[in-house]
Protein backbone atom coordinates (compact mmCIF):
# COMPACT_ATOMS: atom_id res chain seq x y z
CA UNK A 1 -10.03 -3.24 -13.74
CA UNK A 2 -7.12 -4.16 -11.58
CA UNK A 3 -4.97 -7.18 -12.10
CA UNK A 4 -4.14 -7.81 -8.47
CA UNK A 5 -4.55 -11.54 -8.37
CA UNK A 6 -7.74 -11.22 -10.41
CA UNK A 7 -9.52 -9.23 -7.73
CA UNK A 8 -11.44 -6.46 -9.48
CA UNK A 9 -12.36 -4.88 -6.16
CA UNK A 10 -8.72 -3.97 -5.63
CA UNK A 11 -7.55 -1.06 -7.79
CA UNK A 12 -3.98 -0.73 -8.92
CA UNK A 13 -2.38 1.97 -6.74
CA UNK A 14 -1.81 5.17 -8.69
CA UNK A 15 1.65 5.61 -7.16
CA UNK A 16 3.86 8.70 -7.28
CA UNK A 17 4.23 10.90 -10.38
CA UNK A 18 6.09 9.12 -13.16
CA UNK A 19 8.98 11.58 -13.17
CA UNK A 20 9.64 11.21 -9.48
CA UNK A 21 9.14 7.47 -9.62
CA UNK A 22 11.97 7.06 -12.12
CA UNK A 23 14.72 7.25 -9.53
CA UNK A 24 13.95 7.58 -5.86
CA UNK A 25 10.29 7.10 -5.17
CA UNK A 26 10.43 3.52 -6.36
CA UNK A 27 13.06 2.42 -3.90
CA UNK A 28 12.64 -1.31 -4.58
CA UNK A 29 13.21 -1.16 -8.33
CA UNK A 30 16.30 -3.22 -9.16
CA UNK A 31 19.12 -1.61 -11.12
CA UNK A 32 17.79 1.92 -10.92
CA UNK A 33 20.99 2.86 -9.12
CA UNK A 34 23.48 2.47 -11.95
CA UNK A 35 26.76 2.09 -10.14
CA UNK A 36 29.52 4.48 -11.02
CA UNK A 37 33.23 3.81 -10.63
CA UNK A 38 33.23 5.92 -7.47
CA UNK A 39 34.30 4.40 -4.18
CA UNK A 40 30.82 3.76 -2.84
CA UNK A 41 30.62 0.12 -3.81
CA UNK A 42 33.98 -0.63 -5.34
CA UNK A 43 34.35 -3.99 -3.54
CA UNK A 44 31.04 -5.15 -4.95
CA UNK A 45 31.45 -3.69 -8.39
CA UNK A 46 35.05 -4.73 -8.93
CA UNK A 47 34.22 -8.19 -10.25
CA UNK A 48 31.73 -6.85 -12.75
CA UNK A 49 34.19 -4.25 -14.00
CA UNK A 50 36.93 -6.82 -14.41
CA UNK A 51 34.51 -9.09 -16.23
CA UNK A 52 33.27 -6.29 -18.48
CA UNK A 53 36.56 -4.51 -18.92
CA UNK A 54 36.86 -1.49 -21.15
CA UNK A 55 37.30 -3.38 -24.36
CA UNK A 56 37.12 -0.46 -26.70
CA UNK A 57 34.49 -2.26 -28.75
CA UNK A 58 31.99 0.09 -30.31
CA UNK A 59 28.74 0.10 -28.35
CA UNK A 60 26.23 -0.56 -31.05
CA UNK A 61 28.43 -1.78 -33.83
CA UNK A 62 31.56 -1.08 -35.82
CA UNK A 63 32.52 2.39 -36.93
CA UNK A 64 29.51 4.06 -38.48
CA UNK A 65 27.20 1.77 -36.53
CA UNK A 66 24.34 2.67 -34.23
CA UNK A 67 26.37 4.71 -31.75
CA UNK A 68 29.92 5.89 -31.29
CA UNK A 69 32.71 3.97 -29.54
CA UNK A 70 32.28 4.90 -25.88
CA UNK A 71 35.94 4.30 -25.12
CA UNK A 72 36.74 7.22 -27.41
CA UNK A 73 34.22 9.53 -25.75
CA UNK A 74 35.76 11.51 -22.93
CA UNK A 75 32.50 12.95 -21.59
CA UNK A 76 29.25 11.14 -22.35
CA UNK A 77 27.14 13.78 -20.62
CA UNK A 78 27.19 16.52 -18.02
CA UNK A 79 24.46 17.16 -15.49
CA UNK A 80 24.60 20.43 -13.62
CA UNK A 81 28.24 20.64 -14.64
CA UNK A 82 29.14 17.16 -13.35
CA UNK A 83 30.76 14.95 -15.96
CA UNK A 84 29.78 11.35 -16.71
CA UNK A 85 32.55 9.65 -18.65
CA UNK A 86 32.16 7.40 -21.64
CA UNK A 87 34.30 4.81 -19.87
CA UNK A 88 31.87 4.76 -16.92
CA UNK A 89 28.87 4.27 -19.20
CA UNK A 90 30.68 1.54 -21.15
CA UNK A 91 31.34 -0.40 -17.94
CA UNK A 92 27.71 -0.09 -16.87
CA UNK A 93 26.45 -1.27 -20.24
CA UNK A 94 28.85 -4.20 -20.40
CA UNK A 95 27.81 -5.28 -16.91
CA UNK A 96 24.30 -5.61 -18.30
CA UNK A 97 25.25 -7.82 -21.20
CA UNK A 98 22.73 -10.44 -20.07
CA UNK A 99 19.93 -8.06 -21.01
CA UNK A 100 20.88 -8.50 -24.66
CA UNK A 101 21.45 -12.25 -24.54
CA UNK A 102 18.26 -13.14 -26.40
CA UNK A 103 18.43 -10.34 -28.99
CA UNK A 104 18.74 -11.51 -32.59
CA UNK A 105 22.12 -10.78 -34.13
CA UNK A 106 20.65 -8.52 -36.81
CA UNK A 107 19.00 -6.38 -34.09
CA UNK A 108 21.92 -6.33 -31.68
CA UNK A 109 23.50 -3.04 -32.79
CA UNK A 110 20.26 -1.09 -32.49
CA UNK A 111 19.30 -2.68 -29.19
CA UNK A 112 22.74 -2.05 -27.75
CA UNK A 113 22.58 1.59 -28.79
CA UNK A 114 19.22 1.89 -27.08
CA UNK A 115 20.66 0.28 -23.96
CA UNK A 116 23.43 2.87 -23.92
CA UNK A 117 20.85 5.65 -24.01
CA UNK A 118 18.78 4.07 -21.25
CA UNK A 119 21.79 3.50 -19.00
CA UNK A 120 23.18 6.99 -19.56
CA UNK A 121 19.76 8.54 -19.00
CA UNK A 122 19.38 6.84 -15.65
CA UNK A 123 22.94 7.72 -14.67
CA UNK A 124 22.14 11.35 -15.42
CA UNK A 125 19.16 11.19 -13.10
CA UNK A 126 21.12 9.57 -10.28
CA UNK A 127 23.97 12.02 -10.62
CA UNK A 128 21.52 14.91 -10.29
CA UNK A 129 19.89 13.37 -7.24
CA UNK A 130 23.20 12.67 -5.52
CA UNK A 131 24.36 16.24 -6.14
CA UNK A 132 21.06 17.61 -4.83
CA UNK A 133 21.31 15.52 -1.67
CA UNK A 134 24.81 16.81 -1.03
CA UNK A 135 23.79 20.44 -1.61
CA UNK A 136 20.46 20.33 0.23
CA UNK A 137 21.74 18.55 3.34
CA UNK A 138 25.37 19.73 3.27
CA UNK A 139 26.78 16.21 3.25
CA UNK A 140 28.85 13.93 1.08
CA UNK A 141 26.95 10.86 -0.10
CA UNK A 142 29.87 8.61 0.74
CA UNK A 143 29.67 9.84 4.33
CA UNK A 144 26.00 8.93 4.79
CA UNK A 145 25.94 5.66 2.84
CA UNK A 146 28.86 3.46 3.71
CA UNK A 147 30.26 0.35 2.07
CA UNK A 148 29.45 -1.51 5.28
CA UNK A 149 25.78 -0.53 5.11
CA UNK A 150 25.54 -1.65 1.50
CA UNK A 151 27.24 -4.95 2.26
CA UNK A 152 24.92 -5.49 5.24
CA UNK A 153 21.90 -4.82 3.04
CA UNK A 154 23.19 -7.30 0.45
CA UNK A 155 23.63 -9.92 3.17
CA UNK A 156 20.08 -9.23 4.40
CA UNK A 157 18.79 -9.68 0.86
CA UNK A 158 20.62 -12.97 0.43
CA UNK A 159 19.35 -14.21 3.79
CA UNK A 160 15.78 -13.22 2.85
CA UNK A 161 16.11 -15.32 -0.30
CA UNK A 162 17.14 -18.38 1.69
CA UNK A 163 20.92 -18.11 1.75
CA UNK A 164 23.86 -18.14 -0.63
CA UNK A 165 22.75 -21.24 -2.54
CA UNK A 166 19.29 -19.83 -3.19
CA UNK A 167 20.81 -16.50 -4.24
CA UNK A 168 23.19 -18.26 -6.64
CA UNK A 169 20.34 -20.34 -8.04
CA UNK A 170 18.26 -17.22 -8.66
CA UNK A 171 21.20 -15.58 -10.42
CA UNK A 172 21.77 -18.63 -12.58
CA UNK A 173 18.09 -18.74 -13.50
CA UNK A 174 18.38 -15.15 -14.74
CA UNK A 175 21.51 -15.93 -16.74
CA UNK A 176 23.97 -13.93 -14.63
CA UNK A 177 26.84 -14.90 -12.39
CA UNK A 178 26.80 -14.41 -8.62
CA UNK A 179 29.16 -11.42 -8.67
CA UNK A 180 26.92 -9.61 -11.14
CA UNK A 181 23.92 -10.52 -9.04
CA UNK A 182 25.62 -8.98 -6.02
CA UNK A 183 26.21 -5.83 -8.06
CA UNK A 184 22.51 -5.59 -8.84
CA UNK A 185 21.71 -6.27 -5.21
CA UNK A 186 24.09 -3.47 -4.25
CA UNK A 187 22.20 -1.14 -6.54
CA UNK A 188 18.96 -1.95 -4.77
CA UNK A 189 20.63 -1.44 -1.42
CA UNK A 190 22.12 1.89 -2.45
CA UNK A 191 18.83 3.32 -3.67
CA UNK A 192 17.04 2.14 -0.53
CA UNK A 193 19.65 3.67 1.74
CA UNK A 194 19.67 6.95 -0.15
CA UNK A 195 15.87 7.18 0.01
CA UNK A 196 15.94 6.36 3.71
CA UNK A 197 18.52 9.05 4.39
CA UNK A 198 16.51 11.73 2.58
CA UNK A 199 13.25 10.73 4.25
CA UNK A 200 14.76 10.51 7.74
CA UNK A 201 16.47 13.87 7.37
CA UNK A 202 13.31 15.57 6.13
CA UNK A 203 11.39 13.97 8.98
CA UNK A 204 13.82 15.38 11.52
CA UNK A 205 13.59 18.82 9.95
CA UNK A 206 9.80 18.70 10.18
CA UNK A 207 9.70 17.41 13.75
CA UNK A 208 8.26 14.08 12.69
CA UNK A 209 9.22 12.04 15.72
CA UNK A 210 8.03 8.73 17.08
CA UNK A 211 6.22 10.63 19.82
CA UNK A 212 4.27 12.85 17.41
CA UNK A 213 3.43 9.90 15.19
CA UNK A 214 2.23 7.79 18.11
CA UNK A 215 -0.01 10.62 19.28
CA UNK A 216 -1.52 10.76 15.81
CA UNK A 217 -2.01 7.00 15.87
CA UNK A 218 -3.74 7.13 19.25
CA UNK A 219 -6.20 9.71 17.93
CA UNK A 220 -7.71 7.13 15.55
CA UNK A 221 -6.26 3.61 15.57
CA UNK A 222 -9.06 2.43 13.24
CA UNK A 223 -7.38 4.35 10.43
CA UNK A 224 -4.73 1.63 10.53
CA UNK A 225 -7.08 -1.30 10.23
CA UNK A 226 -6.87 -4.12 7.74
CA UNK A 227 -9.72 -6.40 6.83
CA UNK A 228 -10.07 -10.06 5.99
CA UNK A 229 -12.87 -9.98 3.42
CA UNK A 230 -14.70 -12.35 1.09
CA UNK A 231 -17.06 -11.31 -1.68
CA UNK A 232 -19.19 -12.54 -4.53
CA UNK A 233 -19.26 -10.33 -7.61
CA UNK A 234 -22.06 -10.49 -10.18
CA UNK A 235 -23.15 -8.22 -13.00
CA UNK A 236 -26.64 -7.13 -11.95
CA UNK A 237 -28.49 -6.31 -8.75
CA UNK A 238 -31.10 -8.94 -9.57
CA UNK A 239 -28.38 -11.61 -9.73
CA UNK A 240 -26.97 -10.40 -6.43
CA UNK A 241 -30.39 -10.61 -4.76
CA UNK A 242 -30.87 -14.13 -6.08
CA UNK A 243 -27.50 -15.17 -4.63
CA UNK A 244 -28.35 -13.48 -1.34
CA UNK A 245 -31.60 -15.43 -1.17
CA UNK A 246 -29.69 -18.68 -1.67
CA UNK A 247 -27.30 -17.75 1.15
CA UNK A 248 -30.21 -16.93 3.45
CA UNK A 249 -31.73 -20.29 2.52
CA UNK A 250 -28.65 -22.03 3.86
CA UNK A 251 -26.23 -22.41 0.96
CA UNK A 252 -22.57 -21.79 1.73
CA UNK A 253 -21.12 -18.40 0.77
CA UNK A 254 -17.79 -19.90 -0.35
CA UNK A 255 -19.42 -22.49 -2.58
CA UNK A 256 -21.58 -19.86 -4.26
CA UNK A 257 -18.56 -17.61 -4.75
CA UNK A 258 -16.72 -20.41 -6.52
CA UNK A 259 -19.78 -21.17 -8.66
CA UNK A 260 -21.04 -17.69 -9.50
CA UNK A 261 -18.52 -14.91 -8.85
CA UNK A 262 -17.27 -13.07 -11.92
CA UNK A 263 -14.05 -12.28 -10.04
CA UNK A 264 -12.00 -15.35 -10.98
CA UNK A 265 -9.16 -14.65 -8.59
CA UNK A 266 -11.20 -14.58 -5.43
CA UNK A 267 -13.90 -16.90 -6.74
CA UNK A 268 -11.42 -19.73 -6.99
CA UNK A 269 -10.68 -19.17 -3.28
CA UNK A 270 -14.27 -19.20 -2.12
CA UNK A 271 -14.54 -15.43 -2.52
CA UNK A 272 -11.57 -14.63 -0.28
CA UNK A 273 -9.67 -11.42 -0.94
CA UNK A 274 -7.29 -12.11 1.91
CA UNK A 275 -6.15 -9.49 4.38
CA UNK A 276 -5.87 -6.01 2.85
CA UNK A 277 -5.11 -2.63 4.45
CA UNK A 278 -7.70 0.08 4.74
CA UNK A 279 -7.84 2.16 1.57
CA UNK A 280 -7.10 -0.76 -0.74
CA UNK A 281 -10.57 -1.19 -2.19
CA UNK A 282 -12.68 1.06 -4.39
CA UNK A 283 -14.66 3.57 -2.25
CA UNK A 284 -18.08 1.88 -2.31
CA UNK A 285 -16.59 -1.46 -1.36
CA UNK A 286 -14.39 0.02 1.36
CA UNK A 287 -17.26 2.00 2.90
CA UNK A 288 -19.30 -1.18 3.22
CA UNK A 289 -16.41 -3.09 4.78
CA UNK A 290 -15.66 -0.46 7.42
CA UNK A 291 -19.19 0.81 8.11
CA UNK A 292 -20.08 1.00 11.81
CA UNK A 293 -23.14 -1.22 11.33
CA UNK A 294 -21.26 -3.95 9.46
CA UNK A 295 -21.31 -7.13 11.54
CA UNK A 296 -18.38 -9.54 11.38
CA UNK A 297 -19.39 -12.73 9.59
CA UNK A 298 -22.67 -11.43 8.18
CA UNK A 299 -23.41 -10.71 4.52
CA UNK A 300 -23.43 -7.05 3.47
CA UNK A 301 -25.01 -5.89 0.24
CA UNK A 302 -25.65 -5.89 -2.59
CA UNK A 303 -23.06 -3.12 -2.91
CA UNK A 304 -22.70 -1.49 -6.31
CA UNK A 305 -19.28 -0.51 -7.67
CA UNK A 306 -17.86 0.13 -11.11
CA UNK A 307 -17.25 -3.63 -11.40
CA UNK A 308 -20.78 -4.82 -10.68
CA UNK A 309 -22.65 -5.86 -7.55
CA UNK A 310 -20.92 -7.33 -4.50
CA UNK A 311 -22.09 -9.45 -1.62
CA UNK A 312 -19.49 -8.95 1.09
CA UNK A 313 -18.57 -10.79 4.26
CA UNK A 314 -16.06 -9.22 6.65
CA UNK A 315 -14.36 -12.14 8.36
CA UNK A 316 -12.15 -10.04 10.62
CA UNK A 317 -10.99 -6.47 11.25
CA UNK A 318 -7.37 -6.18 12.35
CA UNK A 319 -5.88 -3.05 13.90
CA UNK A 320 -2.15 -2.86 13.31
CA UNK A 321 -0.04 -1.91 16.36
CA UNK A 322 1.80 1.39 16.17
CA UNK A 323 5.18 -0.32 15.76
CA UNK A 324 3.98 -1.92 12.52
CA UNK A 325 2.82 1.33 10.92
CA UNK A 326 5.30 3.87 12.23
CA UNK A 327 7.51 3.71 9.15
CA UNK A 328 4.57 4.15 6.78
CA UNK A 329 3.25 7.05 8.86
CA UNK A 330 6.65 8.71 8.79
CA UNK A 331 6.87 8.45 5.00
CA UNK A 332 3.36 9.86 4.65
CA UNK A 333 4.12 12.74 7.00
CA UNK A 334 7.02 13.97 4.90
CA UNK A 335 5.55 12.98 1.54
CA UNK A 336 4.98 16.53 0.29
CA UNK A 337 8.47 17.65 1.23
CA UNK A 338 10.00 14.56 -0.31
CA UNK A 339 8.00 14.99 -3.52
CA UNK A 340 9.00 18.64 -3.72
CA UNK A 341 12.65 17.70 -3.25
CA UNK A 342 12.57 15.16 -6.10
CA UNK A 343 10.57 17.45 -8.40
CA UNK A 344 13.07 20.21 -7.72
CA UNK A 345 15.93 17.94 -8.72
CA UNK A 346 14.42 17.08 -12.07
CA UNK A 347 12.96 20.48 -12.85
CA UNK A 348 16.30 22.16 -12.23
CA UNK A 349 18.55 19.76 -14.13
CA UNK A 350 20.87 21.26 -16.75
CA UNK A 351 21.92 18.38 -18.99
CA UNK A 352 24.20 18.20 -21.99
CA UNK A 353 24.63 14.91 -23.85
CA UNK A 354 27.44 14.13 -26.26
CA UNK A 355 25.82 14.53 -29.66
CA UNK A 356 27.18 11.16 -30.79
CA UNK A 357 24.96 9.51 -28.18
CA UNK A 358 21.80 11.52 -28.66
CA UNK A 359 20.00 14.47 -27.10
CA UNK A 360 18.34 15.02 -23.72
CA UNK A 361 14.53 15.23 -23.48
CA UNK A 362 13.83 17.24 -20.32
CA UNK A 363 10.16 16.28 -20.31
CA UNK A 364 10.58 12.51 -20.39
CA UNK A 365 14.01 12.51 -18.67
CA UNK A 366 15.38 10.26 -21.38
CA UNK A 367 17.94 10.40 -24.16
CA UNK A 368 16.63 10.47 -27.70
CA UNK A 369 18.52 8.88 -30.58
CA UNK A 370 20.93 11.03 -32.56
CA UNK A 371 19.45 12.88 -35.51
CA UNK A 372 18.92 10.55 -38.45
CA UNK A 373 18.84 7.40 -36.34
CA UNK A 374 15.55 5.60 -35.81
CA UNK A 375 14.50 4.91 -32.24
CA UNK A 376 14.86 1.22 -31.45
CA UNK A 377 12.22 -0.62 -29.46
CA UNK A 378 12.87 0.21 -25.83
CA UNK A 379 15.25 -2.10 -23.99
CA UNK A 380 14.34 -3.05 -20.44
CA UNK A 381 17.27 -1.70 -18.44
CA UNK A 382 16.30 -3.19 -15.10
CA UNK A 383 18.63 -5.94 -14.11
CA UNK A 384 17.40 -9.49 -13.72
CA UNK A 385 15.83 -9.45 -10.29
CA UNK A 386 17.87 -10.94 -7.51
CA UNK A 387 15.58 -9.64 -4.79
CA UNK A 388 13.15 -11.84 -2.90
CA UNK A 389 9.70 -11.75 -4.44
CA UNK A 390 7.12 -9.76 -2.54
CA UNK A 391 4.52 -12.25 -1.46
CA UNK A 392 0.98 -11.16 -2.11
CA UNK A 393 -1.71 -11.37 0.51
CA UNK A 394 -4.42 -11.01 -2.05
CA UNK A 395 -4.99 -14.71 -2.47
């Protein structure tokens, strides 16, 4: 059962394959782009590097601790022959010191070693993707993603959060300073811009133009409908028929939803599921919502689904204008090519990891602990979020 606001009629989207999702298919994931010391975002990263420094402290403990001193490791890993330095990884780890702030002192060495592996593993993935973009499209990444674009995206992010004060407050709440927050915001911007470049270029190669997309839209605008729906969910058909009889006798749908619905999320809102795009609901529910004989404002059902029996009221059907769906259509049109590109990157990676740091697992795209060292509980590498929260329309 889904956990989308407590609405069991709304399944959790399956999303892209886990391997592809790790880097580029999840463009909004903060801190997936682990910034290197390259020139792409030097103005943004400079403060974090100065703050972190290259202290020479062992990452994971003193000599003989959980992992070797990164400052003494020339090459932490190579991916397709491209070197990732120990110094680069050390700076990235130190910039994420806030992630270890609440770790008990006795666990710090192990957790820090795990963080090194997570950071290096993600840097390996990004390095492979960047190299593949340059080879596939015959470009240099720094030529297609500029400092100015990243800075503009950061400014857009800050504005979306309510301005500099709100951004600073969000950073403070997460236990990081503003400069570090801007670094994490730059990471989000970089990954978004890189994804956009790949998708736009593939679209151009496949003649996915605004004109072709609009023609497709005009063929069936109803495919781009959303629905404002309310429902009452009960366990048995007999219960649903009893509720239906009460509605037909004059009782209010919303009041009965609050009283009787086993979907607590929507029940608390009089049965409202809010406005959701077509394809959101489980098939039986969706078919009832969009059936030709469904009348706006009238009760439909009982409709059986894996969650029970629904009484449904469609309050409104909304057809999105082409301008609102063009971007989504474009992404869908080049989805196969994009997926093949990402799969090709990961399937073809040749990775060597410095044995002091661990070994590469090509199946999971992660670094395993060195032989003889126990795996620590996984550290969450994502940076404290400094992006505006995505507001839910699910009530």
